[in-house]
Amino acid sequence: MDQGESPTVIARILGTARASLYRWRQQARSRPDGLAAKPHPGPTPRLTDAQLAELEALLLRGAPAHGWANALWTAKRGAALIHRHFGLAFHPEHVRKLLKRRLHWTSQKPQTKAKERDPDAIQHWLDEDFPGIVRAADARDAHLVFLDESGCMLTPVVRRTLAPRGQTPVLPCWDRHDRISAISAVTLSPHDRHPGLRFRLLPDNTNATAEQVVAFLGALRRSLPRFTVVWDRNRTHGKSLLVRAFLAEHPEVVAEDLPGYAPELNPDEGVWGYTKYGRLGNFAPADTRELRERVCAELTWLKRRPWFLYAFIEHTNLPLLI
């Protein structure tokens, strides 16, 4: 209309009355936001912004501070907390939406930690012991090797997937405990900290033994002239007579223990977590041969992508300059 077009033609194109055009033009000229849409604000929230901030402060104190046995918040507990402090009765599902939309909380799977852990000992190892291990390895021009054992079973690790509502997917798989165990290690070169991944798959349905650990260390020694292996306090490691004999015979290989019940400090845990719960999620092999081929292929794929290994190392928060 401002450009001189006929209001009748415009009204016919838009399928509206001419009077509406004049009203819209007046609004566009008189309102700061012109004809911008104004969505309906919906009902006034029963919890004000100030109350919501108070609620978050209460939640951040932890569930045990309000009488629950553990520190996990559920929608039902949140509803009870709101009723107790604000006198408002909310359905648990409404509380779930409130926490997600207004407080930007997310649904998360809790991590488990052993009650036997000694936090002070772990912190001392991080602050004092591990920096000394790194300095000693650099002085010997030796690699750092973070070693661990793990395995995969015929029974798949089931992960969430997509499907129509009410039609739960079915994943056919064997209900047997056949497995492939493995020994693997994340390596770091001295000084420049270039990462690597070494692994060995064991025979079907066997666990890692001291003999297999010694064989793995021997294979590492043939490619890494000097290294310091950092591992947990499994009895097949430093407590084994075979392993101790190997270390005594080869002084170029030094063994150091992680603190007790602290697997999160080992980057090799990230290798297996990502492989088993990510890459191999919902994989239901026909037999151990197919499982072995897939595990080998996935670890080889990961070996060729050092940026993933960097991520696993950084996730441990070890005091390393990478």
Protein backbone atom coordinates (compact mmCIF):
# COMPACT_ATOMS: atom_id res chain seq x y z
CA MET A 1 0.00 0.00 0.00
CA ASP A 2 2.87 2.39 0.78
CA GLN A 3 4.29 1.70 -2.66
CA GLY A 4 1.01 2.64 -4.34
CA GLU A 5 -0.50 -0.83 -4.89
CA SER A 6 -4.28 -1.02 -4.87
CA PRO A 7 -5.71 -2.04 -1.46
CA THR A 8 -8.38 -4.05 -3.30
CA VAL A 9 -5.73 -6.14 -5.10
CA ILE A 10 -3.73 -6.66 -1.90
CA ALA A 11 -6.85 -7.68 0.04
CA ARG A 12 -7.76 -10.19 -2.71
CA ILE A 13 -4.22 -11.72 -2.66
CA LEU A 14 -4.17 -12.03 1.13
CA GLY A 15 -7.77 -13.18 1.38
CA THR A 16 -8.77 -10.49 3.84
CA ALA A 17 -10.92 -7.37 4.04
CA ARG A 18 -9.64 -3.91 2.99
CA ALA A 19 -10.40 -2.57 6.47
CA SER A 20 -7.88 -5.02 7.96
CA LEU A 21 -5.18 -3.62 5.69
CA TYR A 22 -5.68 -0.09 6.99
CA ARG A 23 -5.67 -1.32 10.58
CA TRP A 24 -2.46 -3.29 10.06
CA ARG A 25 -0.76 -0.33 8.43
CA GLN A 26 -1.69 1.90 11.36
CA GLN A 27 -0.32 -0.67 13.82
CA ALA A 28 2.90 -1.04 11.84
CA ARG A 29 3.48 2.70 11.98
CA SER A 30 2.46 3.28 15.60
CA ARG A 31 3.98 0.26 17.45
CA PRO A 32 7.75 0.00 18.07
CA ASP A 33 7.78 -3.68 17.11
CA GLY A 34 5.54 -3.15 14.10
CA LEU A 35 3.52 -6.26 13.31
CA ALA A 36 5.81 -8.68 15.17
CA ALA A 37 3.96 -11.66 16.57
CA LYS A 38 3.22 -11.68 20.28
CA PRO A 39 2.85 -15.27 21.47
CA HIS A 40 0.51 -15.84 24.37
CA PRO A 41 2.56 -15.86 27.57
CA GLY A 42 0.52 -18.71 29.03
CA PRO A 43 -0.53 -19.00 32.64
CA THR A 44 1.45 -17.14 35.27
CA PRO A 45 4.04 -19.51 36.79
CA ARG A 46 3.10 -20.58 40.30
CA LEU A 47 6.75 -20.35 41.31
CA THR A 48 8.12 -16.83 40.90
CA ASP A 49 11.64 -16.20 39.68
CA ALA A 50 12.75 -15.48 43.24
CA GLN A 51 11.20 -18.72 44.49
CA LEU A 52 12.80 -20.61 41.61
CA ALA A 53 16.22 -19.27 42.60
CA GLU A 54 15.52 -20.32 46.19
CA LEU A 55 14.47 -23.77 44.96
CA GLU A 56 17.71 -24.21 43.02
CA ALA A 57 19.71 -23.22 46.10
CA LEU A 58 17.82 -25.87 48.08
CA LEU A 59 18.46 -28.48 45.40
CA LEU A 60 22.16 -27.68 45.23
CA ARG A 61 22.50 -28.43 48.93
CA GLY A 62 21.91 -32.05 47.98
CA ALA A 63 19.13 -34.50 48.74
CA PRO A 64 20.73 -35.80 51.99
CA ALA A 65 20.46 -32.28 53.46
CA HIS A 66 16.68 -32.65 53.15
CA GLY A 67 16.43 -36.11 54.66
CA TRP A 68 16.93 -38.49 51.73
CA ALA A 69 19.40 -41.36 51.85
CA ASN A 70 21.47 -40.46 48.79
CA ALA A 71 22.34 -37.40 46.71
CA LEU A 72 20.14 -38.24 43.72
CA TRP A 73 17.30 -35.92 42.78
CA THR A 74 14.16 -37.41 41.25
CA ALA A 75 11.03 -35.62 40.08
CA LYS A 76 9.11 -37.16 42.99
CA ARG A 77 11.65 -35.84 45.50
CA GLY A 78 11.58 -32.44 43.83
CA ALA A 79 7.79 -32.31 44.14
CA ALA A 80 8.01 -33.19 47.83
CA LEU A 81 10.64 -30.46 48.38
CA ILE A 82 8.49 -27.84 46.67
CA HIS A 83 5.44 -28.81 48.74
CA ARG A 84 7.47 -28.75 51.94
CA HIS A 85 9.04 -25.30 51.40
CA PHE A 86 6.49 -23.44 49.26
CA GLY A 87 3.22 -25.20 50.04
CA LEU A 88 2.57 -25.91 46.34
CA ALA A 89 1.42 -29.30 45.10
CA PHE A 90 3.03 -30.18 41.77
CA HIS A 91 2.82 -33.41 39.81
CA PRO A 92 6.29 -35.04 39.55
CA GLU A 93 6.22 -34.81 35.75
CA HIS A 94 5.54 -31.08 35.98
CA VAL A 95 8.53 -30.76 38.31
CA ARG A 96 10.65 -32.62 35.77
CA LYS A 97 9.67 -30.12 33.05
CA LEU A 98 10.20 -27.20 35.42
CA LEU A 99 13.75 -28.30 36.26
CA LYS A 100 14.61 -28.86 32.62
CA ARG A 101 13.00 -25.77 31.11
CA ARG A 102 13.46 -23.12 33.76
CA LEU A 103 16.59 -24.31 35.57
CA HIS A 104 18.14 -26.02 32.50
CA TRP A 105 18.86 -29.23 34.40
CA THR A 106 19.28 -32.44 32.39
CA SER A 107 18.55 -36.13 32.97
CA GLN A 108 21.83 -37.89 33.75
CA LYS A 109 22.99 -41.37 34.67
CA PRO A 110 24.87 -41.29 38.01
CA GLN A 111 28.45 -42.50 38.20
CA THR A 112 29.30 -45.03 40.88
CA LYS A 113 32.28 -44.68 43.20
CA ALA A 114 33.49 -47.25 45.71
CA LYS A 115 32.84 -46.42 49.34
CA GLU A 116 36.30 -47.81 50.10
CA ARG A 117 37.93 -44.83 48.35
CA ASP A 118 40.30 -42.62 50.32
CA PRO A 119 39.86 -39.12 48.81
CA ASP A 120 42.83 -37.72 50.72
CA ALA A 121 45.13 -40.47 49.47
CA ILE A 122 43.92 -39.97 45.90
CA GLN A 123 44.52 -36.22 46.10
CA HIS A 124 47.98 -36.77 47.57
CA TRP A 125 48.81 -39.15 44.70
CA LEU A 126 47.67 -36.52 42.17
CA ASP A 127 49.56 -33.67 43.85
CA GLU A 128 52.76 -35.43 44.90
CA ASP A 129 53.22 -38.98 43.63
CA PHE A 130 52.15 -38.70 40.01
CA PRO A 131 54.20 -35.57 39.19
CA GLY A 132 57.22 -37.45 40.57
CA ILE A 133 56.39 -40.44 38.34
CA VAL A 134 56.26 -38.16 35.29
CA ARG A 135 59.53 -36.43 36.17
CA ALA A 136 61.29 -39.75 36.70
CA ALA A 137 60.00 -41.11 33.38
CA ASP A 138 61.14 -37.99 31.53
CA ALA A 139 64.57 -38.24 33.16
CA ARG A 140 64.86 -41.82 31.82
CA ASP A 141 63.47 -40.74 28.43
CA ALA A 142 60.74 -43.33 29.03
CA HIS A 143 57.16 -43.62 27.81
CA LEU A 144 54.24 -43.51 30.21
CA VAL A 145 51.97 -46.53 29.79
CA PHE A 146 48.49 -46.69 31.36
CA LEU A 147 47.47 -50.35 31.29
CA ASP A 148 44.16 -52.06 32.02
CA GLU A 149 42.18 -55.19 31.20
CA SER A 150 38.62 -55.41 29.97
CA GLY A 151 36.37 -57.52 27.79
CA CYS A 152 33.24 -57.75 25.69
CA MET A 153 30.48 -60.36 25.77
CA LEU A 154 28.13 -61.87 23.23
CA THR A 155 25.27 -60.31 25.19
CA PRO A 156 25.17 -56.73 23.88
CA VAL A 157 25.36 -53.52 25.85
CA VAL A 158 21.84 -52.20 25.26
CA ARG A 159 21.55 -48.51 24.52
CA ARG A 160 18.55 -46.28 23.86
CA THR A 161 17.25 -46.08 20.30
CA LEU A 162 14.28 -44.59 18.40
CA ALA A 163 10.97 -46.27 17.67
CA PRO A 164 7.26 -45.39 17.35
CA ARG A 165 5.51 -44.81 20.65
CA GLY A 166 4.32 -48.06 22.20
CA GLN A 167 6.39 -50.25 19.88
CA THR A 168 9.43 -51.27 21.91
CA PRO A 169 12.24 -52.50 19.64
CA VAL A 170 13.50 -56.07 20.07
CA LEU A 171 17.22 -56.87 19.76
CA PRO A 172 17.77 -60.61 19.07
CA CYS A 173 20.92 -61.84 20.84
CA TRP A 174 22.47 -64.87 22.49
CA ASP A 175 21.82 -65.38 26.20
CA ARG A 176 25.29 -66.83 26.75
CA HIS A 177 28.29 -65.57 28.68
CA ASP A 178 30.87 -66.13 25.93
CA ARG A 179 33.38 -63.28 25.95
CA ILE A 180 36.54 -61.82 24.52
CA SER A 181 38.97 -60.41 27.10
CA ALA A 182 41.76 -58.00 26.22
CA ILE A 183 44.75 -56.15 27.61
CA SER A 184 45.26 -52.62 26.35
CA ALA A 185 47.38 -49.60 27.14
CA VAL A 186 47.36 -45.88 26.36
CA THR A 187 50.96 -44.74 25.85
CA LEU A 188 52.47 -41.28 26.07
CA SER A 189 55.85 -40.49 24.58
CA PRO A 190 58.35 -38.66 26.82
CA HIS A 191 58.42 -34.87 26.76
CA ASP A 192 56.09 -34.24 23.78
CA ARG A 193 53.31 -36.55 25.14
CA HIS A 194 52.29 -38.07 21.81
CA PRO A 195 49.57 -40.67 22.55
CA GLY A 196 49.32 -44.21 21.27
CA LEU A 197 47.18 -47.30 21.84
CA ARG A 198 48.40 -50.90 22.14
CA PHE A 199 46.15 -53.90 22.69
CA ARG A 200 46.08 -57.70 22.66
CA LEU A 201 42.93 -59.85 22.45
CA LEU A 202 43.05 -63.02 24.56
CA PRO A 203 41.68 -66.48 23.69
CA ASP A 204 37.92 -66.96 23.91
CA ASN A 205 36.37 -67.16 27.37
CA THR A 206 39.59 -66.51 29.28
CA ASN A 207 40.52 -63.85 31.77
CA ALA A 208 43.80 -61.95 31.86
CA THR A 209 46.42 -63.85 33.86
CA ALA A 210 49.87 -62.90 35.10
CA GLU A 211 51.42 -64.86 32.21
CA GLN A 212 49.43 -62.83 29.67
CA VAL A 213 50.33 -59.56 31.41
CA VAL A 214 54.02 -60.50 31.24
CA ALA A 215 53.64 -61.38 27.53
CA PHE A 216 51.99 -58.01 26.88
CA LEU A 217 54.76 -56.18 28.75
CA GLY A 218 57.34 -58.11 26.75
CA ALA A 219 55.70 -57.08 23.47
CA LEU A 220 55.65 -53.45 24.65
CA ARG A 221 59.32 -53.65 25.58
CA ARG A 222 60.22 -54.70 22.04
CA SER A 223 58.73 -51.48 20.64
CA LEU A 224 59.27 -49.10 23.58
CA PRO A 225 62.86 -49.33 24.88
CA ARG A 226 61.96 -47.81 28.25
CA PHE A 227 58.60 -47.21 29.84
CA THR A 228 56.82 -46.70 33.15
CA VAL A 229 53.61 -48.67 33.41
CA VAL A 230 50.87 -47.22 35.62
CA TRP A 231 48.12 -49.66 36.58
CA ASP A 232 45.63 -50.54 39.29
CA ARG A 233 46.38 -52.81 42.21
CA ASN A 234 45.00 -55.95 40.60
CA ARG A 235 46.67 -59.12 41.88
CA THR A 236 47.82 -59.96 38.33
CA HIS A 237 49.94 -56.79 38.31
CA GLY A 238 52.54 -55.85 40.89
CA LYS A 239 51.50 -58.54 43.38
CA SER A 240 52.13 -61.42 40.98
CA LEU A 241 55.41 -63.30 41.35
CA LEU A 242 55.70 -63.65 37.57
CA VAL A 243 55.26 -59.92 37.01
CA ARG A 244 57.68 -59.06 39.79
CA ALA A 245 60.25 -61.42 38.30
CA PHE A 246 59.82 -59.78 34.89
CA LEU A 247 60.29 -56.32 36.37
CA ALA A 248 63.39 -57.44 38.27
CA GLU A 249 64.87 -58.87 35.07
CA HIS A 250 64.09 -55.73 33.03
CA PRO A 251 64.99 -52.57 34.98
CA GLU A 252 64.07 -50.47 31.94
CA VAL A 253 60.44 -51.24 32.80
CA VAL A 254 59.17 -49.47 35.95
CA ALA A 255 55.76 -50.18 37.51
CA GLU A 256 53.71 -47.69 39.51
CA ASP A 257 50.35 -48.23 41.17
CA LEU A 258 47.28 -46.05 40.87
CA PRO A 259 45.58 -45.17 44.16
CA GLY A 260 43.05 -47.71 45.33
CA TYR A 261 39.52 -47.59 43.93
CA ALA A 262 40.29 -44.77 41.50
CA PRO A 263 39.78 -46.23 38.00
CA GLU A 264 38.82 -42.79 36.66
CA LEU A 265 42.52 -41.82 36.79
CA ASN A 266 43.40 -44.37 34.11
CA PRO A 267 42.94 -43.08 30.52
CA ASP A 268 42.58 -46.68 29.33
CA GLU A 269 39.21 -46.74 31.11
CA GLY A 270 38.10 -44.16 28.56
CA VAL A 271 39.15 -46.45 25.71
CA TRP A 272 36.90 -49.23 26.93
CA GLY A 273 34.07 -46.99 28.02
CA TYR A 274 33.90 -45.38 24.59
CA THR A 275 34.33 -48.69 22.74
CA LYS A 276 31.91 -50.84 24.73
CA TYR A 277 29.18 -48.31 25.47
CA GLY A 278 29.53 -46.19 22.34
CA ARG A 279 30.91 -47.95 19.29
CA LEU A 280 29.70 -51.44 20.32
CA GLY A 281 26.35 -50.37 21.77
CA ASN A 282 23.52 -52.67 20.62
CA PHE A 283 26.00 -54.88 18.72
CA ALA A 284 24.73 -58.49 18.93
CA PRO A 285 27.33 -60.74 17.24
CA ALA A 286 26.53 -64.22 16.00
CA ASP A 287 29.56 -65.79 17.71
CA THR A 288 32.87 -64.95 19.37
CA ARG A 289 34.63 -64.87 16.00
CA GLU A 290 32.44 -61.99 14.83
CA LEU A 291 32.82 -60.33 18.23
CA ARG A 292 36.62 -60.65 18.04
CA GLU A 293 36.76 -59.16 14.54
CA ARG A 294 34.58 -56.21 15.55
CA VAL A 295 36.48 -55.47 18.78
CA CYS A 296 39.78 -55.60 16.90
CA ALA A 297 38.42 -53.30 14.18
CA GLU A 298 37.10 -50.77 16.70
CA LEU A 299 40.33 -50.64 18.71
CA THR A 300 42.32 -50.28 15.48
CA TRP A 301 39.98 -47.46 14.41
CA LEU A 302 40.56 -45.73 17.75
CA LYS A 303 44.32 -46.26 17.55
CA ARG A 304 44.41 -44.22 14.35
CA ARG A 305 42.61 -41.27 15.94
CA PRO A 306 44.92 -39.76 18.57
CA TRP A 307 42.55 -36.89 19.32
CA PHE A 308 40.24 -39.40 21.03
CA LEU A 309 43.16 -40.61 23.15
CA TYR A 310 43.93 -36.98 24.07
CA ALA A 311 40.31 -36.62 25.20
CA PHE A 312 40.52 -39.73 27.39
CA ILE A 313 43.71 -38.41 29.00
CA GLU A 314 42.24 -34.95 29.61
CA HIS A 315 39.13 -36.51 31.15
CA THR A 316 41.26 -38.00 33.94
CA ASN A 317 42.50 -34.52 34.99
CA LEU A 318 45.97 -35.96 35.48
CA PRO A 319 48.57 -33.17 35.91
CA LEU A 320 50.16 -33.64 32.49
CA LEU A 321 51.32 -30.98 30.05
CA ILE A 322 49.84 -32.18 26.73
